[in-house]
Amino acid sequence: QVQVVESGGDLVQPGGSLRLSCVASSRIFSFSGVGWYRQAPGKQRDWVASITSGGMSSYADSVKGRFTISRDNAKKTVYLQMNSLKPEDTATYYCQFLAYWGQGTQVTVSS
């Protein structure tokens, strides 16, 4: 059974930074891409960023230039570095690995 666990969410002021982590307990972690998604209250879950097994990254236009996705295969972890946070970034952030999702981590951007 694969477990996906996100962490790192917090309350932060506009302009601040956070780093989210996603750990996936899978022997094939290094052979698969991983994605970050977010869902604000009352809204659909939206894609934020992805990273391939080879380390190539892609981003939603809304976060491009502010967020950076990276991975550490030895730790079976994918990170989402979020800078210049805005109130509209407030959401529960989810990690997807293959068909598996984590429980989410809450990011709140507010003064």
Foldseek 3Di string as FASTA:
>chain_A
DKAKAKDWADEAAQQAKTKMKIAIPDPCLLQAKKWKWWDAPPGDIGTAKIAGSVGDIDGDPVQPPFWDWGDDVVRNMIMIIGGRDDQVVFTWMWMDTPPDIHPTGTHGYHD
